PDB file of N, CA and C in Angstrom:
ATOM      1  N   MET A   1     -12.471  25.338   8.812  1.00  0.00           N
ATOM      2  CA  MET A   1     -11.238  24.590   8.743  1.00  0.00           C
ATOM      3  C   MET A   1     -10.135  25.430   9.378  1.00  0.00           C
ATOM      4  N   ARG A   2      -9.414  24.821  10.314  1.00  0.00           N
ATOM      5  CA  ARG A   2      -8.260  25.473  10.927  1.00  0.00           C
ATOM      6  C   ARG A   2      -7.020  24.680  10.550  1.00  0.00           C
ATOM      7  N   LEU A   3      -6.090  25.321   9.850  1.00  0.00           N
ATOM      8  CA  LEU A   3      -4.874  24.649   9.429  1.00  0.00           C
ATOM      9  C   LEU A   3      -3.709  25.033  10.315  1.00  0.00           C
ATOM     10  N   ARG A   4      -2.876  24.049  10.614  1.00  0.00           N
ATOM     11  CA  ARG A   4      -1.619  24.299  11.324  1.00  0.00           C
ATOM     12  C   ARG A   4      -0.489  24.089  10.331  1.00  0.00           C
ATOM     13  N   PHE A   5       0.297  25.137  10.096  1.00  0.00           N
ATOM     14  CA  PHE A   5       1.473  25.026   9.236  1.00  0.00           C
ATOM     15  C   PHE A   5       2.477  24.118   9.924  1.00  0.00           C
ATOM     16  N   ILE A   6       3.002  23.133   9.190  1.00  0.00           N
ATOM     17  CA  ILE A   6       3.989  22.209   9.745  1.00  0.00           C
ATOM     18  C   ILE A   6       5.389  22.556   9.269  1.00  0.00           C
ATOM     19  N   GLY A   7       5.568  22.721   7.962  1.00  0.00           N
ATOM     20  CA  GLY A   7       6.900  23.046   7.468  1.00  0.00           C
ATOM     21  C   GLY A   7       6.953  23.064   5.953  1.00  0.00           C
ATOM     22  N   ILE A   8       8.090  23.529   5.449  1.00  0.00           N
ATOM     23  CA  ILE A   8       8.321  23.582   4.007  1.00  0.00           C
ATOM     24  C   ILE A   8       9.618  22.856   3.684  1.00  0.00           C
ATOM     25  N   ASP A   9       9.770  22.563   2.400  1.00  0.00           N
ATOM     26  CA  ASP A   9      11.001  21.968   1.895  1.00  0.00           C
ATOM     27  C   ASP A   9      12.146  22.911   2.245  1.00  0.00           C
ATOM     28  N   PRO A  10      13.120  22.444   3.015  1.00  0.00           N
ATOM     29  CA  PRO A  10      14.195  23.333   3.462  1.00  0.00           C
ATOM     30  C   PRO A  10      15.142  23.792   2.357  1.00  0.00           C
ATOM     31  N   ASP A  11      15.090  23.147   1.197  1.00  0.00           N
ATOM     32  CA  ASP A  11      16.036  23.475   0.135  1.00  0.00           C
ATOM     33  C   ASP A  11      15.447  24.340  -0.974  1.00  0.00           C
ATOM     34  N   THR A  12      14.263  24.920  -0.750  1.00  0.00           N
ATOM     35  CA  THR A  12      13.684  25.762  -1.795  1.00  0.00           C
ATOM     36  C   THR A  12      13.662  27.208  -1.332  1.00  0.00           C
ATOM     37  N   GLY A  13      13.436  28.063  -2.290  1.00  0.00           N
ATOM     38  CA  GLY A  13      13.418  29.494  -1.991  1.00  0.00           C
ATOM     39  C   GLY A  13      12.046  29.963  -1.557  1.00  0.00           C
ATOM     40  N   LYS A  14      11.675  31.145  -2.008  1.00  0.00           N
ATOM     41  CA  LYS A  14      10.424  31.775  -1.583  1.00  0.00           C
ATOM     42  C   LYS A  14       9.220  31.375  -2.432  1.00  0.00           C
ATOM     43  N   ASN A  15       9.438  30.736  -3.582  1.00  0.00           N
ATOM     44  CA  ASN A  15       8.331  30.378  -4.479  1.00  0.00           C
ATOM     45  C   ASN A  15       8.246  28.871  -4.667  1.00  0.00           C
ATOM     46  N   GLY A  16       7.045  28.337  -4.627  1.00  0.00           N
ATOM     47  CA  GLY A  16       6.814  26.950  -4.978  1.00  0.00           C
ATOM     48  C   GLY A  16       7.363  25.919  -4.021  1.00  0.00           C
ATOM     49  N   SER A  17       7.553  26.271  -2.794  1.00  0.00           N
ATOM     50  CA  SER A  17       8.116  25.328  -1.838  1.00  0.00           C
ATOM     51  C   SER A  17       7.105  24.257  -1.452  1.00  0.00           C
ATOM     52  N   PRO A  18       7.445  22.954  -1.594  1.00  0.00           N
ATOM     53  CA  PRO A  18       6.569  21.922  -1.072  1.00  0.00           C
ATOM     54  C   PRO A  18       6.322  22.175   0.420  1.00  0.00           C
ATOM     55  N   THR A  19       5.056  22.120   0.802  1.00  0.00           N
ATOM     56  CA  THR A  19       4.629  22.547   2.134  1.00  0.00           C
ATOM     57  C   THR A  19       3.653  21.537   2.713  1.00  0.00           C
ATOM     58  N   ALA A  20       3.637  21.412   4.046  1.00  0.00           N
ATOM     59  CA  ALA A  20       2.691  20.523   4.723  1.00  0.00           C
ATOM     60  C   ALA A  20       1.941  21.289   5.805  1.00  0.00           C
ATOM     61  N   TRP A  21       0.629  20.999   5.905  1.00  0.00           N
ATOM     62  CA  TRP A  21      -0.238  21.530   6.955  1.00  0.00           C
ATOM     63  C   TRP A  21      -1.048  20.368   7.527  1.00  0.00           C
ATOM     64  N   VAL A  22      -1.616  20.562   8.707  1.00  0.00           N
ATOM     65  CA  VAL A  22      -2.578  19.612   9.283  1.00  0.00           C
ATOM     66  C   VAL A  22      -3.869  20.374   9.556  1.00  0.00           C
ATOM     67  N   ASP A  23      -4.990  19.793   9.138  1.00  0.00           N
ATOM     68  CA  ASP A  23      -6.307  20.344   9.441  1.00  0.00           C
ATOM     69  C   ASP A  23      -6.621  19.944  10.884  1.00  0.00           C
ATOM     70  N   LEU A  24      -6.716  20.905  11.760  1.00  0.00           N
ATOM     71  CA  LEU A  24      -6.903  20.623  13.181  1.00  0.00           C
ATOM     72  C   LEU A  24      -8.298  20.110  13.513  1.00  0.00           C
ATOM     73  N   GLU A  25      -9.236  20.233  12.596  1.00  0.00           N
ATOM     74  CA  GLU A  25     -10.594  19.734  12.839  1.00  0.00           C
ATOM     75  C   GLU A  25     -10.773  18.293  12.367  1.00  0.00           C
ATOM     76  N   THR A  26     -10.089  17.905  11.281  1.00  0.00           N
ATOM     77  CA  THR A  26     -10.253  16.558  10.726  1.00  0.00           C
ATOM     78  C   THR A  26      -9.008  15.692  10.877  1.00  0.00           C
ATOM     79  N   ALA A  27      -7.879  16.293  11.227  1.00  0.00           N
ATOM     80  CA  ALA A  27      -6.567  15.637  11.313  1.00  0.00           C
ATOM     81  C   ALA A  27      -6.049  15.211   9.933  1.00  0.00           C
ATOM     82  N   ASP A  28      -6.641  15.727   8.859  1.00  0.00           N
ATOM     83  CA  ASP A  28      -6.124  15.457   7.526  1.00  0.00           C
ATOM     84  C   ASP A  28      -4.807  16.196   7.328  1.00  0.00           C
ATOM     85  N   ILE A  29      -3.929  15.611   6.527  1.00  0.00           N
ATOM     86  CA  ILE A  29      -2.665  16.249   6.167  1.00  0.00           C
ATOM     87  C   ILE A  29      -2.838  16.830   4.774  1.00  0.00           C
ATOM     88  N   LEU A  30      -2.477  18.101   4.604  1.00  0.00           N
ATOM     89  CA  LEU A  30      -2.558  18.768   3.304  1.00  0.00           C
ATOM     90  C   LEU A  30      -1.145  19.019   2.800  1.00  0.00           C
ATOM     91  N   ILE A  31      -0.933  18.732   1.537  1.00  0.00           N
ATOM     92  CA  ILE A  31       0.393  18.843   0.939  1.00  0.00           C
ATOM     93  C   ILE A  31       0.327  19.720  -0.304  1.00  0.00           C
ATOM     94  N   GLN A  32       1.226  20.668  -0.382  1.00  0.00           N
ATOM     95  CA  GLN A  32       1.475  21.405  -1.624  1.00  0.00           C
ATOM     96  C   GLN A  32       2.805  20.876  -2.133  1.00  0.00           C
ATOM     97  N   SER A  33       2.830  20.391  -3.356  1.00  0.00           N
ATOM     98  CA  SER A  33       4.086  19.887  -3.887  1.00  0.00           C
ATOM     99  C   SER A  33       4.043  19.897  -5.402  1.00  0.00           C
ATOM    100  N   TYR A  34       4.990  19.220  -6.008  1.00  0.00           N
ATOM    101  CA  TYR A  34       5.133  19.197  -7.453  1.00  0.00           C
ATOM    102  C   TYR A  34       4.108  18.272  -8.084  1.00  0.00           C
ATOM    103  N   THR A  35       3.508  18.698  -9.176  1.00  0.00           N
ATOM    104  CA  THR A  35       2.619  17.840  -9.943  1.00  0.00           C
ATOM    105  C   THR A  35       3.476  16.793 -10.639  1.00  0.00           C
ATOM    106  N   ALA A  36       3.062  15.544 -10.538  1.00  0.00           N
ATOM    107  CA  ALA A  36       3.806  14.475 -11.192  1.00  0.00           C
ATOM    108  C   ALA A  36       3.744  14.647 -12.709  1.00  0.00           C
ATOM    109  N   ASP A  37       4.847  14.314 -13.374  1.00  0.00           N
ATOM    110  CA  ASP A  37       4.872  14.417 -14.833  1.00  0.00           C
ATOM    111  C   ASP A  37       4.099  13.246 -15.451  1.00  0.00           C
ATOM    112  N   GLU A  38       3.884  13.304 -16.756  1.00  0.00           N
ATOM    113  CA  GLU A  38       3.068  12.293 -17.439  1.00  0.00           C
ATOM    114  C   GLU A  38       3.665  10.896 -17.324  1.00  0.00           C
ATOM    115  N   GLU A  39       4.981  10.790 -17.386  1.00  0.00           N
ATOM    116  CA  GLU A  39       5.617   9.470 -17.261  1.00  0.00           C
ATOM    117  C   GLU A  39       5.328   8.860 -15.886  1.00  0.00           C
ATOM    118  N   THR A  40       5.432   9.673 -14.843  1.00  0.00           N
ATOM    119  CA  THR A  40       5.147   9.191 -13.489  1.00  0.00           C
ATOM    120  C   THR A  40       3.683   8.809 -13.348  1.00  0.00           C
ATOM    121  N   ARG A  41       2.794   9.640 -13.872  1.00  0.00           N
ATOM    122  CA  ARG A  41       1.359   9.339 -13.814  1.00  0.00           C
ATOM    123  C   ARG A  41       1.059   8.027 -14.541  1.00  0.00           C
ATOM    124  N   ALA A  42       1.684   7.826 -15.683  1.00  0.00           N
ATOM    125  CA  ALA A  42       1.471   6.592 -16.444  1.00  0.00           C
ATOM    126  C   ALA A  42       1.941   5.376 -15.648  1.00  0.00           C
ATOM    127  N   GLN A  43       3.065   5.502 -14.971  1.00  0.00           N
ATOM    128  CA  GLN A  43       3.559   4.405 -14.134  1.00  0.00           C
ATOM    129  C   GLN A  43       2.578   4.093 -13.008  1.00  0.00           C
ATOM    130  N   CYS A  44       2.002   5.139 -12.415  1.00  0.00           N
ATOM    131  CA  CYS A  44       1.018   4.937 -11.350  1.00  0.00           C
ATOM    132  C   CYS A  44      -0.229   4.232 -11.885  1.00  0.00           C
ATOM    133  N   VAL A  45      -0.647   4.601 -13.086  1.00  0.00           N
ATOM    134  CA  VAL A  45      -1.814   3.969 -13.702  1.00  0.00           C
ATOM    135  C   VAL A  45      -1.526   2.492 -13.979  1.00  0.00           C
ATOM    136  N   GLU A  46      -0.334   2.192 -14.443  1.00  0.00           N
ATOM    137  CA  GLU A  46       0.023   0.814 -14.776  1.00  0.00           C
ATOM    138  C   GLU A  46       0.302  -0.055 -13.550  1.00  0.00           C
ATOM    139  N   ASN A  47       0.459   0.558 -12.394  1.00  0.00           N
ATOM    140  CA  ASN A  47       0.733  -0.176 -11.158  1.00  0.00           C
ATOM    141  C   ASN A  47      -0.292   0.210 -10.096  1.00  0.00           C
ATOM    142  N   PRO A  48      -1.577  -0.148 -10.319  1.00  0.00           N
ATOM    143  CA  PRO A  48      -2.626   0.265  -9.369  1.00  0.00           C
ATOM    144  C   PRO A  48      -2.506  -0.461  -8.040  1.00  0.00           C
ATOM    145  N   ALA A  49      -3.143   0.100  -7.041  1.00  0.00           N
ATOM    146  CA  ALA A  49      -3.218  -0.558  -5.742  1.00  0.00           C
ATOM    147  C   ALA A  49      -3.949  -1.883  -5.916  1.00  0.00           C
ATOM    148  N   PRO A  50      -3.542  -2.920  -5.190  1.00  0.00           N
ATOM    149  CA  PRO A  50      -4.210  -4.221  -5.321  1.00  0.00           C
ATOM    150  C   PRO A  50      -5.721  -4.083  -5.118  1.00  0.00           C
ATOM    151  N   GLY A  51      -6.473  -4.693  -6.038  1.00  0.00           N
ATOM    152  CA  GLY A  51      -7.925  -4.663  -5.947  1.00  0.00           C
ATOM    153  C   GLY A  51      -8.572  -3.427  -6.539  1.00  0.00           C
ATOM    154  N   HIS A  52      -7.784  -2.499  -7.051  1.00  0.00           N
ATOM    155  CA  HIS A  52      -8.318  -1.276  -7.652  1.00  0.00           C
ATOM    156  C   HIS A  52      -8.189  -1.342  -9.172  1.00  0.00           C
ATOM    157  N   VAL A  53      -9.067  -0.631  -9.843  1.00  0.00           N
ATOM    158  CA  VAL A  53      -8.984  -0.549 -11.298  1.00  0.00           C
ATOM    159  C   VAL A  53      -7.875   0.420 -11.684  1.00  0.00           C
ATOM    160  N   LYS A  54      -7.378   0.251 -12.902  1.00  0.00           N
ATOM    161  CA  LYS A  54      -6.353   1.168 -13.404  1.00  0.00           C
ATOM    162  C   LYS A  54      -6.960   2.541 -13.623  1.00  0.00           C
ATOM    163  N   GLY A  55      -6.155   3.555 -13.439  1.00  0.00           N
ATOM    164  CA  GLY A  55      -6.595   4.917 -13.703  1.00  0.00           C
ATOM    165  C   GLY A  55      -6.501   5.796 -12.471  1.00  0.00           C
ATOM    166  N   ILE A  56      -6.549   7.078 -12.714  1.00  0.00           N
ATOM    167  CA  ILE A  56      -6.544   8.084 -11.650  1.00  0.00           C
ATOM    168  C   ILE A  56      -7.884   8.794 -11.737  1.00  0.00           C
ATOM    169  N   PRO A  57      -8.718   8.672 -10.701  1.00  0.00           N
ATOM    170  CA  PRO A  57     -10.031   9.315 -10.751  1.00  0.00           C
ATOM    171  C   PRO A  57      -9.911  10.828 -10.972  1.00  0.00           C
ATOM    172  N   ASP A  58     -10.932  11.401 -11.580  1.00  0.00           N
ATOM    173  CA  ASP A  58     -10.923  12.831 -11.882  1.00  0.00           C
ATOM    174  C   ASP A  58     -10.750  13.704 -10.638  1.00  0.00           C
ATOM    175  N   HIS A  59     -11.190  13.211  -9.494  1.00  0.00           N
ATOM    176  CA  HIS A  59     -11.103  14.013  -8.267  1.00  0.00           C
ATOM    177  C   HIS A  59      -9.787  13.782  -7.514  1.00  0.00           C
ATOM    178  N   GLU A  60      -8.858  13.030  -8.101  1.00  0.00           N
ATOM    179  CA  GLU A  60      -7.559  12.761  -7.482  1.00  0.00           C
ATOM    180  C   GLU A  60      -6.436  13.148  -8.438  1.00  0.00           C
ATOM    181  N   THR A  61      -5.225  13.216  -7.896  1.00  0.00           N
ATOM    182  CA  THR A  61      -4.052  13.496  -8.711  1.00  0.00           C
ATOM    183  C   THR A  61      -2.860  12.780  -8.097  1.00  0.00           C
ATOM    184  N   VAL A  62      -1.761  12.769  -8.800  1.00  0.00           N
ATOM    185  CA  VAL A  62      -0.513  12.216  -8.281  1.00  0.00           C
ATOM    186  C   VAL A  62       0.398  13.397  -7.974  1.00  0.00           C
ATOM    187  N   VAL A  63       0.902  13.430  -6.749  1.00  0.00           N
ATOM    188  CA  VAL A  63       1.774  14.511  -6.301  1.00  0.00           C
ATOM    189  C   VAL A  63       3.139  13.917  -5.977  1.00  0.00           C
ATOM    190  N   ARG A  64       4.185  14.548  -6.453  1.00  0.00           N
ATOM    191  CA  ARG A  64       5.547  14.090  -6.144  1.00  0.00           C
ATOM    192  C   ARG A  64       6.037  14.849  -4.906  1.00  0.00           C
ATOM    193  N   ILE A  65       6.406  14.099  -3.878  1.00  0.00           N
ATOM    194  CA  ILE A  65       6.918  14.668  -2.631  1.00  0.00           C
ATOM    195  C   ILE A  65       8.430  14.456  -2.610  1.00  0.00           C
ATOM    196  N   PRO A  66       9.227  15.518  -2.548  1.00  0.00           N
ATOM    197  CA  PRO A  66      10.681  15.331  -2.509  1.00  0.00           C
ATOM    198  C   PRO A  66      11.102  14.623  -1.217  1.00  0.00           C
ATOM    199  N   ALA A  67      12.080  13.731  -1.331  1.00  0.00           N
ATOM    200  CA  ALA A  67      12.550  12.959  -0.180  1.00  0.00           C
ATOM    201  C   ALA A  67      12.996  13.870   0.969  1.00  0.00           C
ATOM    202  N   ARG A  68      13.498  15.031   0.645  1.00  0.00           N
ATOM    203  CA  ARG A  68      13.974  15.927   1.706  1.00  0.00           C
ATOM    204  C   ARG A  68      12.820  16.483   2.547  1.00  0.00           C
ATOM    205  N   LEU A  69      11.560  16.250   2.111  1.00  0.00           N
ATOM    206  CA  LEU A  69      10.399  16.690   2.883  1.00  0.00           C
ATOM    207  C   LEU A  69       9.946  15.629   3.891  1.00  0.00           C
ATOM    208  N   VAL A  70      10.580  14.464   3.893  1.00  0.00           N
ATOM    209  CA  VAL A  70      10.179  13.375   4.799  1.00  0.00           C
ATOM    210  C   VAL A  70      10.152  13.814   6.266  1.00  0.00           C
ATOM    211  N   PRO A  71      11.150  14.529   6.785  1.00  0.00           N
ATOM    212  CA  PRO A  71      11.060  14.953   8.187  1.00  0.00           C
ATOM    213  C   PRO A  71       9.832  15.828   8.464  1.00  0.00           C
ATOM    214  N   VAL A  72       9.472  16.676   7.501  1.00  0.00           N
ATOM    215  CA  VAL A  72       8.283  17.519   7.660  1.00  0.00           C
ATOM    216  C   VAL A  72       7.029  16.645   7.672  1.00  0.00           C
ATOM    217  N   LEU A  73       6.986  15.614   6.814  1.00  0.00           N
ATOM    218  CA  LEU A  73       5.831  14.715   6.786  1.00  0.00           C
ATOM    219  C   LEU A  73       5.712  13.910   8.076  1.00  0.00           C
ATOM    220  N   ARG A  74       6.845  13.505   8.635  1.00  0.00           N
ATOM    221  CA  ARG A  74       6.802  12.813   9.931  1.00  0.00           C
ATOM    222  C   ARG A  74       6.175  13.713  10.996  1.00  0.00           C
ATOM    223  N   GLU A  75       6.580  14.963  10.998  1.00  0.00           N
ATOM    224  CA  GLU A  75       6.013  15.912  11.957  1.00  0.00           C
ATOM    225  C   GLU A  75       4.523  16.111  11.700  1.00  0.00           C
ATOM    226  N   ALA A  76       4.135  16.176  10.419  1.00  0.00           N
ATOM    227  CA  ALA A  76       2.718  16.323  10.071  1.00  0.00           C
ATOM    228  C   ALA A  76       1.919  15.102  10.538  1.00  0.00           C
ATOM    229  N   CYS A  77       2.483  13.912  10.359  1.00  0.00           N
ATOM    230  CA  CYS A  77       1.795  12.697  10.836  1.00  0.00           C
ATOM    231  C   CYS A  77       1.625  12.717  12.339  1.00  0.00           C
ATOM    232  N   ASP A  78       2.644  13.113  13.056  1.00  0.00           N
ATOM    233  CA  ASP A  78       2.549  13.215  14.524  1.00  0.00           C
ATOM    234  C   ASP A  78       1.484  14.222  14.917  1.00  0.00           C
ATOM    235  N   ALA A  79       1.466  15.373  14.255  1.00  0.00           N
ATOM    236  CA  ALA A  79       0.470  16.412  14.567  1.00  0.00           C
ATOM    237  C   ALA A  79      -0.941  15.923  14.260  1.00  0.00           C
ATOM    238  N   ALA A  80      -1.093  15.176  13.168  1.00  0.00           N
ATOM    239  CA  ALA A  80      -2.411  14.635  12.814  1.00  0.00           C
ATOM    240  C   ALA A  80      -2.884  13.630  13.860  1.00  0.00           C
ATOM    241  N   GLU A  81      -1.988  12.793  14.321  1.00  0.00           N
ATOM    242  CA  GLU A  81      -2.357  11.831  15.362  1.00  0.00           C
ATOM    243  C   GLU A  81      -2.771  12.553  16.649  1.00  0.00           C
ATOM    244  N   ARG A  82      -2.024  13.579  17.010  1.00  0.00           N
ATOM    245  CA  ARG A  82      -2.374  14.345  18.222  1.00  0.00           C
ATOM    246  C   ARG A  82      -3.722  15.043  18.058  1.00  0.00           C
ATOM    247  N   ALA A  83      -4.023  15.542  16.863  1.00  0.00           N
ATOM    248  CA  ALA A  83      -5.273  16.243  16.615  1.00  0.00           C
ATOM    249  C   ALA A  83      -6.476  15.321  16.744  1.00  0.00           C
ATOM    250  N   GLN A  84      -6.293  14.037  16.541  1.00  0.00           N
ATOM    251  CA  GLN A  84      -7.392  13.075  16.628  1.00  0.00           C
ATOM    252  C   GLN A  84      -7.740  12.727  18.084  1.00  0.00           C
ATOM    253  N   LEU A  85      -6.855  13.022  19.007  1.00  0.00           N
ATOM    254  CA  LEU A  85      -7.097  12.638  20.403  1.00  0.00           C
ATOM    255  C   LEU A  85      -8.103  13.518  21.077  1.00  0.00           C
TER     256      LEU A  85
END
């Protein structure tokens, strides 16, 4: 796996900064961010994707992405698209 660092949350310090990378072999986007709190997780469970059962599978989690990271995610999406070509 070869990862390309895309960017971090511009408003955080040296610890725990939400971060985005792109896997250059699969074009997957990897995100480090805040773990959603129980209230948020419960809301996600109660509002499942259409056609899906309620619940969060054991191999998945809910991650909260701060809005200020949107420009970094746009760049990550562009990089992922380029990696697929």
